[in-house]
Amino acid sequence: MIFLYILFSVYILSVNFYGFRYVKSMRDGDETGESHAGDGKLFLTALLGGAPLIFVSLLTMRYRQTSMTLMILLPILIVINIYCFFLGFRGIYFM
């Protein structure tokens, strides 16, 4: 049981880290003039559990704050992610 909790924690941390790195690479690409493909990967990463850190990194880096889709959808996904994390650590998924 402990192994599953550790595995779930590592998954959450890795998805959040990937989301942060992706936002940073998008911001750096815009500064150098390279265009990014779109927000599909960003939304998929947020849906898989990276929404909290993606939203925080968008606010701290002051990047894409005018995108209404990101600023409305990410807080909704944060609530869904936190609820799923709660259920996961509570043991619903593992029993």
PDB file of N, CA and C in Angstrom:
ATOM      1  N   MET A   1       0.823  -1.194   0.000  1.00  0.00           N
ATOM      2  CA  MET A   1       0.000   0.000   0.000  1.00  0.00           C
ATOM      3  C   MET A   1       0.868   1.260   0.000  1.00  0.00           C
ATOM      4  N   ILE A   2       1.937   1.233   0.768  1.00  0.00           N
ATOM      5  CA  ILE A   2       2.834   2.386   0.825  1.00  0.00           C
ATOM      6  C   ILE A   2       3.473   2.634  -0.545  1.00  0.00           C
ATOM      7  N   PHE A   3       3.801   1.548  -1.238  1.00  0.00           N
ATOM      8  CA  PHE A   3       4.401   1.684  -2.568  1.00  0.00           C
ATOM      9  C   PHE A   3       3.461   2.423  -3.521  1.00  0.00           C
ATOM     10  N   LEU A   4       2.176   2.141  -3.441  1.00  0.00           N
ATOM     11  CA  LEU A   4       1.220   2.815  -4.321  1.00  0.00           C
ATOM     12  C   LEU A   4       1.113   4.302  -3.997  1.00  0.00           C
ATOM     13  N   TYR A   5       1.157   4.643  -2.718  1.00  0.00           N
ATOM     14  CA  TYR A   5       1.142   6.057  -2.341  1.00  0.00           C
ATOM     15  C   TYR A   5       2.393   6.776  -2.848  1.00  0.00           C
ATOM     16  N   ILE A   6       3.539   6.121  -2.732  1.00  0.00           N
ATOM     17  CA  ILE A   6       4.782   6.711  -3.239  1.00  0.00           C
ATOM     18  C   ILE A   6       4.713   6.867  -4.753  1.00  0.00           C
ATOM     19  N   LEU A   7       4.214   5.854  -5.432  1.00  0.00           N
ATOM     20  CA  LEU A   7       4.082   5.911  -6.883  1.00  0.00           C
ATOM     21  C   LEU A   7       3.128   7.025  -7.311  1.00  0.00           C
ATOM     22  N   PHE A   8       2.016   7.180  -6.608  1.00  0.00           N
ATOM     23  CA  PHE A   8       1.049   8.236  -6.899  1.00  0.00           C
ATOM     24  C   PHE A   8       1.665   9.614  -6.654  1.00  0.00           C
ATOM     25  N   SER A   9       2.449   9.752  -5.590  1.00  0.00           N
ATOM     26  CA  SER A   9       3.113  11.031  -5.283  1.00  0.00           C
ATOM     27  C   SER A   9       4.140  11.387  -6.342  1.00  0.00           C
ATOM     28  N   VAL A  10       4.902  10.408  -6.784  1.00  0.00           N
ATOM     29  CA  VAL A  10       5.905  10.653  -7.829  1.00  0.00           C
ATOM     30  C   VAL A  10       5.221  11.045  -9.137  1.00  0.00           C
ATOM     31  N   TYR A  11       4.092  10.419  -9.436  1.00  0.00           N
ATOM     32  CA  TYR A  11       3.339  10.775 -10.636  1.00  0.00           C
ATOM     33  C   TYR A  11       2.876  12.233 -10.578  1.00  0.00           C
ATOM     34  N   ILE A  12       2.315  12.639  -9.458  1.00  0.00           N
ATOM     35  CA  ILE A  12       1.836  14.015  -9.308  1.00  0.00           C
ATOM     36  C   ILE A  12       2.983  15.005  -9.444  1.00  0.00           C
ATOM     37  N   LEU A  13       4.096  14.716  -8.791  1.00  0.00           N
ATOM     38  CA  LEU A  13       5.253  15.617  -8.872  1.00  0.00           C
ATOM     39  C   LEU A  13       5.815  15.691 -10.289  1.00  0.00           C
ATOM     40  N   SER A  14       5.879  14.557 -10.983  1.00  0.00           N
ATOM     41  CA  SER A  14       6.450  14.577 -12.330  1.00  0.00           C
ATOM     42  C   SER A  14       5.553  15.307 -13.328  1.00  0.00           C
ATOM     43  N   VAL A  15       4.248  15.135 -13.219  1.00  0.00           N
ATOM     44  CA  VAL A  15       3.329  15.836 -14.127  1.00  0.00           C
ATOM     45  C   VAL A  15       3.398  17.345 -13.874  1.00  0.00           C
ATOM     46  N   ASN A  16       3.460  17.750 -12.604  1.00  0.00           N
ATOM     47  CA  ASN A  16       3.570  19.167 -12.289  1.00  0.00           C
ATOM     48  C   ASN A  16       4.899  19.743 -12.762  1.00  0.00           C
ATOM     49  N   PHE A  17       5.975  18.989 -12.612  1.00  0.00           N
ATOM     50  CA  PHE A  17       7.282  19.457 -13.084  1.00  0.00           C
ATOM     51  C   PHE A  17       7.283  19.607 -14.602  1.00  0.00           C
ATOM     52  N   TYR A  18       6.693  18.633 -15.306  1.00  0.00           N
ATOM     53  CA  TYR A  18       6.616  18.731 -16.762  1.00  0.00           C
ATOM     54  C   TYR A  18       5.797  19.948 -17.184  1.00  0.00           C
ATOM     55  N   GLY A  19       4.696  20.201 -16.483  1.00  0.00           N
ATOM     56  CA  GLY A  19       3.880  21.370 -16.795  1.00  0.00           C
ATOM     57  C   GLY A  19       4.645  22.668 -16.612  1.00  0.00           C
ATOM     58  N   PHE A  20       5.413  22.752 -15.532  1.00  0.00           N
ATOM     59  CA  PHE A  20       6.229  23.948 -15.300  1.00  0.00           C
ATOM     60  C   PHE A  20       7.261  24.124 -16.399  1.00  0.00           C
ATOM     61  N   ARG A  21       7.955  23.048 -16.744  1.00  0.00           N
ATOM     62  CA  ARG A  21       8.988  23.135 -17.795  1.00  0.00           C
ATOM     63  C   ARG A  21       8.365  23.489 -19.145  1.00  0.00           C
ATOM     64  N   TYR A  22       7.168  22.998 -19.415  1.00  0.00           N
ATOM     65  CA  TYR A  22       6.526  23.294 -20.690  1.00  0.00           C
ATOM     66  C   TYR A  22       6.128  24.767 -20.770  1.00  0.00           C
ATOM     67  N   VAL A  23       5.601  25.308 -19.690  1.00  0.00           N
ATOM     68  CA  VAL A  23       5.255  26.734 -19.667  1.00  0.00           C
ATOM     69  C   VAL A  23       6.512  27.571 -19.835  1.00  0.00           C
ATOM     70  N   LYS A  24       7.590  27.181 -19.176  1.00  0.00           N
ATOM     71  CA  LYS A  24       8.846  27.927 -19.286  1.00  0.00           C
ATOM     72  C   LYS A  24       9.391  27.860 -20.713  1.00  0.00           C
ATOM     73  N   SER A  25       9.302  26.695 -21.340  1.00  0.00           N
ATOM     74  CA  SER A  25       9.793  26.585 -22.717  1.00  0.00           C
ATOM     75  C   SER A  25       8.906  27.380 -23.683  1.00  0.00           C
ATOM     76  N   MET A  26       7.599  27.430 -23.427  1.00  0.00           N
ATOM     77  CA  MET A  26       6.720  28.249 -24.258  1.00  0.00           C
ATOM     78  C   MET A  26       7.062  29.728 -24.115  1.00  0.00           C
ATOM     79  N   ARG A  27       7.309  30.172 -22.891  1.00  0.00           N
ATOM     80  CA  ARG A  27       7.644  31.573 -22.661  1.00  0.00           C
ATOM     81  C   ARG A  27       8.989  31.914 -23.300  1.00  0.00           C
ATOM     82  N   ASP A  28       9.979  31.042 -23.149  1.00  0.00           N
ATOM     83  CA  ASP A  28      11.287  31.286 -23.752  1.00  0.00           C
ATOM     84  C   ASP A  28      11.208  31.272 -25.269  1.00  0.00           C
ATOM     85  N   GLY A  29      10.373  30.411 -25.827  1.00  0.00           N
ATOM     86  CA  GLY A  29      10.192  30.370 -27.269  1.00  0.00           C
ATOM     87  C   GLY A  29       9.551  31.638 -27.801  1.00  0.00           C
ATOM     88  N   ASP A  30       8.620  32.209 -27.055  1.00  0.00           N
ATOM     89  CA  ASP A  30       8.000  33.463 -27.479  1.00  0.00           C
ATOM     90  C   ASP A  30       8.985  34.625 -27.398  1.00  0.00           C
ATOM     91  N   GLU A  31       9.883  34.589 -26.425  1.00  0.00           N
ATOM     92  CA  GLU A  31      10.873  35.666 -26.306  1.00  0.00           C
ATOM     93  C   GLU A  31      11.887  35.624 -27.433  1.00  0.00           C
ATOM     94  N   THR A  32      12.227  34.431 -27.926  1.00  0.00           N
ATOM     95  CA  THR A  32      13.195  34.315 -29.010  1.00  0.00           C
ATOM     96  C   THR A  32      12.546  34.411 -30.382  1.00  0.00           C
ATOM     97  N   GLY A  33      11.231  34.417 -30.444  1.00  0.00           N
ATOM     98  CA  GLY A  33      10.537  34.565 -31.717  1.00  0.00           C
ATOM     99  C   GLY A  33       9.999  33.271 -32.283  1.00  0.00           C
ATOM    100  N   GLU A  34      10.247  32.146 -31.625  1.00  0.00           N
ATOM    101  CA  GLU A  34       9.712  30.871 -32.099  1.00  0.00           C
ATOM    102  C   GLU A  34       8.251  30.769 -31.678  1.00  0.00           C
ATOM    103  N   SER A  35       7.431  30.250 -32.545  1.00  0.00           N
ATOM    104  CA  SER A  35       6.017  30.101 -32.190  1.00  0.00           C
ATOM    105  C   SER A  35       5.779  28.704 -31.625  1.00  0.00           C
ATOM    106  N   HIS A  36       4.866  28.607 -30.675  1.00  0.00           N
ATOM    107  CA  HIS A  36       4.533  27.303 -30.113  1.00  0.00           C
ATOM    108  C   HIS A  36       3.346  26.736 -30.868  1.00  0.00           C
ATOM    109  N   ALA A  37       3.185  25.436 -30.778  1.00  0.00           N
ATOM    110  CA  ALA A  37       2.171  24.744 -31.575  1.00  0.00           C
ATOM    111  C   ALA A  37       0.758  25.057 -31.126  1.00  0.00           C
ATOM    112  N   GLY A  38       0.558  25.292 -29.847  1.00  0.00           N
ATOM    113  CA  GLY A  38      -0.780  25.555 -29.345  1.00  0.00           C
ATOM    114  C   GLY A  38      -0.871  25.187 -27.884  1.00  0.00           C
ATOM    115  N   ASP A  39      -2.083  25.175 -27.391  1.00  0.00           N
ATOM    116  CA  ASP A  39      -2.289  24.903 -25.981  1.00  0.00           C
ATOM    117  C   ASP A  39      -2.746  23.478 -25.722  1.00  0.00           C
ATOM    118  N   GLY A  40      -2.708  22.619 -26.699  1.00  0.00           N
ATOM    119  CA  GLY A  40      -3.175  21.252 -26.529  1.00  0.00           C
ATOM    120  C   GLY A  40      -2.381  20.484 -25.482  1.00  0.00           C
ATOM    121  N   LYS A  41      -1.052  20.543 -25.562  1.00  0.00           N
ATOM    122  CA  LYS A  41      -0.224  19.863 -24.573  1.00  0.00           C
ATOM    123  C   LYS A  41      -0.413  20.460 -23.189  1.00  0.00           C
ATOM    124  N   LEU A  42      -0.591  21.753 -23.148  1.00  0.00           N
ATOM    125  CA  LEU A  42      -0.775  22.432 -21.868  1.00  0.00           C
ATOM    126  C   LEU A  42      -2.070  21.984 -21.200  1.00  0.00           C
ATOM    127  N   PHE A  43      -3.149  21.899 -21.957  1.00  0.00           N
ATOM    128  CA  PHE A  43      -4.425  21.440 -21.402  1.00  0.00           C
ATOM    129  C   PHE A  43      -4.377  19.960 -21.026  1.00  0.00           C
ATOM    130  N   LEU A  44      -3.696  19.159 -21.821  1.00  0.00           N
ATOM    131  CA  LEU A  44      -3.577  17.739 -21.496  1.00  0.00           C
ATOM    132  C   LEU A  44      -2.781  17.543 -20.209  1.00  0.00           C
ATOM    133  N   THR A  45      -1.696  18.287 -20.063  1.00  0.00           N
ATOM    134  CA  THR A  45      -0.903  18.200 -18.843  1.00  0.00           C
ATOM    135  C   THR A  45      -1.703  18.678 -17.644  1.00  0.00           C
ATOM    136  N   ALA A  46      -2.492  19.726 -17.817  1.00  0.00           N
ATOM    137  CA  ALA A  46      -3.337  20.216 -16.727  1.00  0.00           C
ATOM    138  C   ALA A  46      -4.413  19.203 -16.374  1.00  0.00           C
ATOM    139  N   LEU A  47      -4.956  18.533 -17.353  1.00  0.00           N
ATOM    140  CA  LEU A  47      -5.985  17.531 -17.111  1.00  0.00           C
ATOM    141  C   LEU A  47      -5.415  16.306 -16.402  1.00  0.00           C
ATOM    142  N   LEU A  48      -4.171  15.963 -16.698  1.00  0.00           N
ATOM    143  CA  LEU A  48      -3.541  14.797 -16.072  1.00  0.00           C
ATOM    144  C   LEU A  48      -3.067  15.059 -14.649  1.00  0.00           C
ATOM    145  N   GLY A  49      -3.161  16.301 -14.178  1.00  0.00           N
ATOM    146  CA  GLY A  49      -2.804  16.568 -12.796  1.00  0.00           C
ATOM    147  C   GLY A  49      -1.859  17.730 -12.598  1.00  0.00           C
ATOM    148  N   GLY A  50      -1.486  18.416 -13.642  1.00  0.00           N
ATOM    149  CA  GLY A  50      -0.525  19.493 -13.508  1.00  0.00           C
ATOM    150  C   GLY A  50      -1.113  20.880 -13.446  1.00  0.00           C
ATOM    151  N   ALA A  51      -2.409  20.988 -13.287  1.00  0.00           N
ATOM    152  CA  ALA A  51      -3.072  22.294 -13.320  1.00  0.00           C
ATOM    153  C   ALA A  51      -2.612  23.252 -12.223  1.00  0.00           C
ATOM    154  N   PRO A  52      -2.393  22.799 -10.978  1.00  0.00           N
ATOM    155  CA  PRO A  52      -1.986  23.772  -9.950  1.00  0.00           C
ATOM    156  C   PRO A  52      -0.673  24.479 -10.275  1.00  0.00           C
ATOM    157  N   LEU A  53       0.339  23.725 -10.639  1.00  0.00           N
ATOM    158  CA  LEU A  53       1.629  24.357 -10.900  1.00  0.00           C
ATOM    159  C   LEU A  53       1.640  25.106 -12.225  1.00  0.00           C
ATOM    160  N   ILE A  54       0.887  24.662 -13.196  1.00  0.00           N
ATOM    161  CA  ILE A  54       0.797  25.394 -14.464  1.00  0.00           C
ATOM    162  C   ILE A  54       0.184  26.766 -14.225  1.00  0.00           C
ATOM    163  N   PHE A  55      -0.891  26.816 -13.455  1.00  0.00           N
ATOM    164  CA  PHE A  55      -1.550  28.097 -13.175  1.00  0.00           C
ATOM    165  C   PHE A  55      -0.629  29.015 -12.382  1.00  0.00           C
ATOM    166  N   VAL A  56       0.044  28.479 -11.386  1.00  0.00           N
ATOM    167  CA  VAL A  56       0.973  29.293 -10.578  1.00  0.00           C
ATOM    168  C   VAL A  56       2.132  29.781 -11.434  1.00  0.00           C
ATOM    169  N   SER A  57       2.657  28.924 -12.304  1.00  0.00           N
ATOM    170  CA  SER A  57       3.781  29.348 -13.144  1.00  0.00           C
ATOM    171  C   SER A  57       3.347  30.381 -14.178  1.00  0.00           C
ATOM    172  N   LEU A  58       2.119  30.276 -14.698  1.00  0.00           N
ATOM    173  CA  LEU A  58       1.628  31.307 -15.617  1.00  0.00           C
ATOM    174  C   LEU A  58       1.529  32.657 -14.912  1.00  0.00           C
ATOM    175  N   LEU A  59       1.107  32.647 -13.660  1.00  0.00           N
ATOM    176  CA  LEU A  59       0.981  33.906 -12.923  1.00  0.00           C
ATOM    177  C   LEU A  59       2.340  34.468 -12.508  1.00  0.00           C
ATOM    178  N   THR A  60       3.252  33.609 -12.059  1.00  0.00           N
ATOM    179  CA  THR A  60       4.548  34.113 -11.604  1.00  0.00           C
ATOM    180  C   THR A  60       5.434  34.561 -12.756  1.00  0.00           C
ATOM    181  N   MET A  61       5.342  33.888 -13.894  1.00  0.00           N
ATOM    182  CA  MET A  61       6.145  34.287 -15.053  1.00  0.00           C
ATOM    183  C   MET A  61       5.484  35.401 -15.850  1.00  0.00           C
ATOM    184  N   ARG A  62       4.248  35.761 -15.484  1.00  0.00           N
ATOM    185  CA  ARG A  62       3.479  36.788 -16.187  1.00  0.00           C
ATOM    186  C   ARG A  62       3.391  36.494 -17.684  1.00  0.00           C
ATOM    187  N   TYR A  63       2.989  35.289 -17.962  1.00  0.00           N
ATOM    188  CA  TYR A  63       2.920  34.803 -19.336  1.00  0.00           C
ATOM    189  C   TYR A  63       1.493  34.381 -19.657  1.00  0.00           C
ATOM    190  N   ARG A  64       0.950  34.839 -20.772  1.00  0.00           N
ATOM    191  CA  ARG A  64      -0.355  34.484 -21.299  1.00  0.00           C
ATOM    192  C   ARG A  64      -1.490  34.756 -20.316  1.00  0.00           C
ATOM    193  N   GLN A  65      -1.411  35.841 -19.585  1.00  0.00           N
ATOM    194  CA  GLN A  65      -2.468  36.179 -18.649  1.00  0.00           C
ATOM    195  C   GLN A  65      -3.682  36.773 -19.343  1.00  0.00           C
ATOM    196  N   THR A  66      -3.560  37.122 -20.597  1.00  0.00           N
ATOM    197  CA  THR A  66      -4.700  37.665 -21.330  1.00  0.00           C
ATOM    198  C   THR A  66      -5.548  36.577 -21.979  1.00  0.00           C
ATOM    199  N   SER A  67      -5.076  35.333 -21.945  1.00  0.00           N
ATOM    200  CA  SER A  67      -5.829  34.224 -22.522  1.00  0.00           C
ATOM    201  C   SER A  67      -6.958  33.842 -21.575  1.00  0.00           C
ATOM    202  N   MET A  68      -8.184  34.161 -21.957  1.00  0.00           N
ATOM    203  CA  MET A  68      -9.328  33.896 -21.095  1.00  0.00           C
ATOM    204  C   MET A  68      -9.577  32.393 -20.935  1.00  0.00           C
ATOM    205  N   THR A  69      -9.258  31.615 -21.949  1.00  0.00           N
ATOM    206  CA  THR A  69      -9.445  30.178 -21.849  1.00  0.00           C
ATOM    207  C   THR A  69      -8.574  29.590 -20.743  1.00  0.00           C
ATOM    208  N   LEU A  70      -7.315  30.009 -20.700  1.00  0.00           N
ATOM    209  CA  LEU A  70      -6.414  29.520 -19.660  1.00  0.00           C
ATOM    210  C   LEU A  70      -6.816  30.013 -18.282  1.00  0.00           C
ATOM    211  N   MET A  71      -7.196  31.266 -18.178  1.00  0.00           N
ATOM    212  CA  MET A  71      -7.492  31.847 -16.868  1.00  0.00           C
ATOM    213  C   MET A  71      -8.836  31.369 -16.303  1.00  0.00           C
ATOM    214  N   ILE A  72      -9.709  30.825 -17.132  1.00  0.00           N
ATOM    215  CA  ILE A  72     -10.980  30.298 -16.638  1.00  0.00           C
ATOM    216  C   ILE A  72     -10.915  28.783 -16.475  1.00  0.00           C
ATOM    217  N   LEU A  73     -10.308  28.094 -17.433  1.00  0.00           N
ATOM    218  CA  LEU A  73     -10.295  26.639 -17.408  1.00  0.00           C
ATOM    219  C   LEU A  73      -9.331  26.078 -16.361  1.00  0.00           C
ATOM    220  N   LEU A  74      -8.184  26.697 -16.172  1.00  0.00           N
ATOM    221  CA  LEU A  74      -7.212  26.154 -15.224  1.00  0.00           C
ATOM    222  C   LEU A  74      -7.700  26.146 -13.777  1.00  0.00           C
ATOM    223  N   PRO A  75      -8.349  27.193 -13.253  1.00  0.00           N
ATOM    224  CA  PRO A  75      -8.871  27.066 -11.888  1.00  0.00           C
ATOM    225  C   PRO A  75      -9.932  25.972 -11.728  1.00  0.00           C
ATOM    226  N   ILE A  76     -10.721  25.752 -12.770  1.00  0.00           N
ATOM    227  CA  ILE A  76     -11.696  24.658 -12.716  1.00  0.00           C
ATOM    228  C   ILE A  76     -10.964  23.316 -12.662  1.00  0.00           C
ATOM    229  N   LEU A  77      -9.921  23.175 -13.481  1.00  0.00           N
ATOM    230  CA  LEU A  77      -9.144  21.939 -13.464  1.00  0.00           C
ATOM    231  C   LEU A  77      -8.375  21.771 -12.156  1.00  0.00           C
ATOM    232  N   ILE A  78      -7.988  22.868 -11.514  1.00  0.00           N
ATOM    233  CA  ILE A  78      -7.319  22.774 -10.212  1.00  0.00           C
ATOM    234  C   ILE A  78      -8.252  22.138  -9.191  1.00  0.00           C
ATOM    235  N   VAL A  79      -9.492  22.572  -9.167  1.00  0.00           N
ATOM    236  CA  VAL A  79     -10.464  22.005  -8.226  1.00  0.00           C
ATOM    237  C   VAL A  79     -10.674  20.514  -8.511  1.00  0.00           C
ATOM    238  N   ILE A  80     -10.790  20.161  -9.766  1.00  0.00           N
ATOM    239  CA  ILE A  80     -10.971  18.751 -10.130  1.00  0.00           C
ATOM    240  C   ILE A  80      -9.735  17.943  -9.756  1.00  0.00           C
ATOM    241  N   ASN A  81      -8.543  18.482 -10.027  1.00  0.00           N
ATOM    242  CA  ASN A  81      -7.308  17.775  -9.680  1.00  0.00           C
ATOM    243  C   ASN A  81      -7.168  17.574  -8.185  1.00  0.00           C
ATOM    244  N   ILE A  82      -7.455  18.592  -7.405  1.00  0.00           N
ATOM    245  CA  ILE A  82      -7.327  18.468  -5.951  1.00  0.00           C
ATOM    246  C   ILE A  82      -8.320  17.440  -5.416  1.00  0.00           C
ATOM    247  N   TYR A  83      -9.518  17.411  -5.959  1.00  0.00           N
ATOM    248  CA  TYR A  83     -10.502  16.407  -5.549  1.00  0.00           C
ATOM    249  C   TYR A  83     -10.008  14.997  -5.892  1.00  0.00           C
ATOM    250  N   CYS A  84      -9.454  14.818  -7.074  1.00  0.00           N
ATOM    251  CA  CYS A  84      -8.929  13.503  -7.463  1.00  0.00           C
ATOM    252  C   CYS A  84      -7.717  13.119  -6.622  1.00  0.00           C
ATOM    253  N   PHE A  85      -6.855  14.086  -6.287  1.00  0.00           N
ATOM    254  CA  PHE A  85      -5.714  13.806  -5.408  1.00  0.00           C
ATOM    255  C   PHE A  85      -6.212  13.365  -4.036  1.00  0.00           C
ATOM    256  N   PHE A  86      -7.237  14.048  -3.533  1.00  0.00           N
ATOM    257  CA  PHE A  86      -7.802  13.690  -2.241  1.00  0.00           C
ATOM    258  C   PHE A  86      -8.347  12.264  -2.261  1.00  0.00           C
ATOM    259  N   LEU A  87      -9.083  11.932  -3.318  1.00  0.00           N
ATOM    260  CA  LEU A  87      -9.607  10.573  -3.428  1.00  0.00           C
ATOM    261  C   LEU A  87      -8.491   9.547  -3.560  1.00  0.00           C
ATOM    262  N   GLY A  88      -7.446   9.914  -4.293  1.00  0.00           N
ATOM    263  CA  GLY A  88      -6.332   8.996  -4.471  1.00  0.00           C
ATOM    264  C   GLY A  88      -5.582   8.729  -3.186  1.00  0.00           C
ATOM    265  N   PHE A  89      -5.329   9.759  -2.420  1.00  0.00           N
ATOM    266  CA  PHE A  89      -4.604   9.569  -1.171  1.00  0.00           C
ATOM    267  C   PHE A  89      -5.500   9.016  -0.064  1.00  0.00           C
ATOM    268  N   ARG A  90      -6.786   9.161  -0.221  1.00  0.00           N
ATOM    269  CA  ARG A  90      -7.698   8.614   0.758  1.00  0.00           C
ATOM    270  C   ARG A  90      -7.802   7.100   0.607  1.00  0.00           C
ATOM    271  N   GLY A  91      -7.498   6.600  -0.569  1.00  0.00           N
ATOM    272  CA  GLY A  91      -7.478   5.168  -0.770  1.00  0.00           C
ATOM    273  C   GLY A  91      -8.580   4.633  -1.634  1.00  0.00           C
ATOM    274  N   ILE A  92      -9.393   5.498  -2.237  1.00  0.00           N
ATOM    275  CA  ILE A  92     -10.498   5.021  -3.076  1.00  0.00           C
ATOM    276  C   ILE A  92      -9.961   4.272  -4.299  1.00  0.00           C
ATOM    277  N   TYR A  93      -8.903   4.801  -4.915  1.00  0.00           N
ATOM    278  CA  TYR A  93      -8.399   4.198  -6.131  1.00  0.00           C
ATOM    279  C   TYR A  93      -7.609   2.916  -5.876  1.00  0.00           C
ATOM    280  N   PHE A  94      -7.097   2.766  -4.684  1.00  0.00           N
ATOM    281  CA  PHE A  94      -6.170   1.665  -4.428  1.00  0.00           C
ATOM    282  C   PHE A  94      -6.822   0.470  -3.755  1.00  0.00           C
ATOM    283  N   MET A  95      -8.090   0.571  -3.378  1.00  0.00           N
ATOM    284  CA  MET A  95      -8.704  -0.565  -2.685  1.00  0.00           C
ATOM    285  C   MET A  95      -9.600  -1.340  -3.595  1.00  0.00           C
TER     286      MET A  95
END
